[in-house]
Amino acid sequence: MVALQIRDIPDDVRNVLATRARERGQSLNLYLRELVLREAAFENNRVLIDEVVARRGRSDITAEDVFGAVDAARGGR
């Protein structure tokens, strides 16, 4: 496995993330790890949507539209 380091995060952003981690009973490191893993998993969704579109033909709805709708439904999380 690899270690990641993120620099230049504003204090208020770090505080929000730390609060979310604490609310879940997690360390900030564990919370951020799960966040990064979940974000990477979204790529699988993008590939699946692209495969469905390829099989069924084109649509006016893009994968970005779907991800944006999901993000909006989740309250921008």
Protein backbone atom coordinates (compact mmCIF):
# COMPACT_ATOMS: atom_id res chain seq x y z
CA MET A 1 0.00 0.00 0.00
CA VAL A 2 0.98 3.60 -0.48
CA ALA A 3 0.74 6.56 1.88
CA LEU A 4 -0.81 9.84 0.70
CA GLN A 5 -0.17 13.29 2.08
CA ILE A 6 -2.33 16.29 1.28
CA ARG A 7 -0.95 19.77 1.86
CA ASP A 8 -2.48 23.24 2.03
CA ILE A 9 -5.90 22.27 3.40
CA PRO A 10 -7.63 25.27 4.98
CA ASP A 11 -8.18 24.97 8.74
CA ASP A 12 -11.96 25.24 8.43
CA VAL A 13 -12.05 22.34 5.95
CA ARG A 14 -9.87 20.21 8.23
CA ASN A 15 -12.16 21.03 11.15
CA VAL A 16 -15.27 19.96 9.24
CA LEU A 17 -13.62 16.67 8.27
CA ALA A 18 -12.40 16.07 11.82
CA THR A 19 -15.92 16.71 13.15
CA ARG A 20 -17.43 14.24 10.67
CA ALA A 21 -14.84 11.64 11.65
CA ARG A 22 -15.50 12.19 15.35
CA GLU A 23 -19.28 11.89 14.81
CA ARG A 24 -18.66 8.47 13.24
CA GLY A 25 -16.33 7.42 16.04
CA GLN A 26 -13.39 7.31 13.62
CA SER A 27 -9.97 8.84 13.49
CA LEU A 28 -9.49 11.52 10.88
CA ASN A 29 -7.11 9.19 9.05
CA LEU A 30 -9.67 6.35 8.88
CA TYR A 31 -12.45 8.71 7.80
CA LEU A 32 -10.30 10.18 5.01
CA ARG A 33 -9.18 6.70 3.91
CA GLU A 34 -12.81 5.60 3.53
CA LEU A 35 -13.62 8.83 1.70
CA VAL A 36 -10.79 8.29 -0.79
CA LEU A 37 -11.73 4.62 -1.33
CA ARG A 38 -15.38 5.56 -1.91
CA GLU A 39 -14.37 8.27 -4.39
CA ALA A 40 -12.20 5.81 -6.32
CA ALA A 41 -15.09 3.33 -6.40
CA PHE A 42 -17.18 5.89 -8.30
CA GLU A 43 -15.00 5.18 -11.33
CA ASN A 44 -16.59 1.73 -11.48
CA ASN A 45 -19.99 3.44 -11.69
CA ARG A 46 -18.78 5.64 -14.53
CA VAL A 47 -17.53 2.61 -16.46
CA LEU A 48 -20.85 0.81 -15.91
CA ILE A 49 -22.86 3.81 -17.12
CA ASP A 50 -20.66 4.12 -20.19
CA GLU A 51 -21.20 0.41 -20.95
CA VAL A 52 -24.98 0.76 -20.62
CA VAL A 53 -24.98 3.78 -22.92
CA ALA A 54 -22.86 1.88 -25.45
CA ARG A 55 -25.32 -1.01 -25.45
CA ARG A 56 -28.53 1.02 -25.54
CA GLY A 57 -27.44 3.89 -27.71
CA ARG A 58 -26.82 7.51 -27.00
CA SER A 59 -28.78 9.64 -24.59
CA ASP A 60 -28.78 13.31 -23.73
CA ILE A 61 -27.92 12.31 -20.15
CA THR A 62 -24.21 11.99 -19.46
CA ALA A 63 -22.41 10.17 -16.67
CA GLU A 64 -21.52 13.60 -15.28
CA ASP A 65 -25.26 14.47 -15.16
CA VAL A 66 -25.94 11.30 -13.17
CA PHE A 67 -23.07 11.88 -10.77
CA GLY A 68 -24.14 15.49 -10.32
CA ALA A 69 -27.71 14.41 -9.51
CA VAL A 70 -26.47 11.84 -7.02
CA ASP A 71 -24.18 14.40 -5.43
CA ALA A 72 -27.02 16.92 -5.19
CA ALA A 73 -29.32 14.30 -3.67
CA ARG A 74 -26.68 13.55 -1.05
CA GLY A 75 -26.45 17.21 -0.16
CA GLY A 76 -23.11 17.80 -1.84
CA ARG A 77 -21.24 15.25 0.24
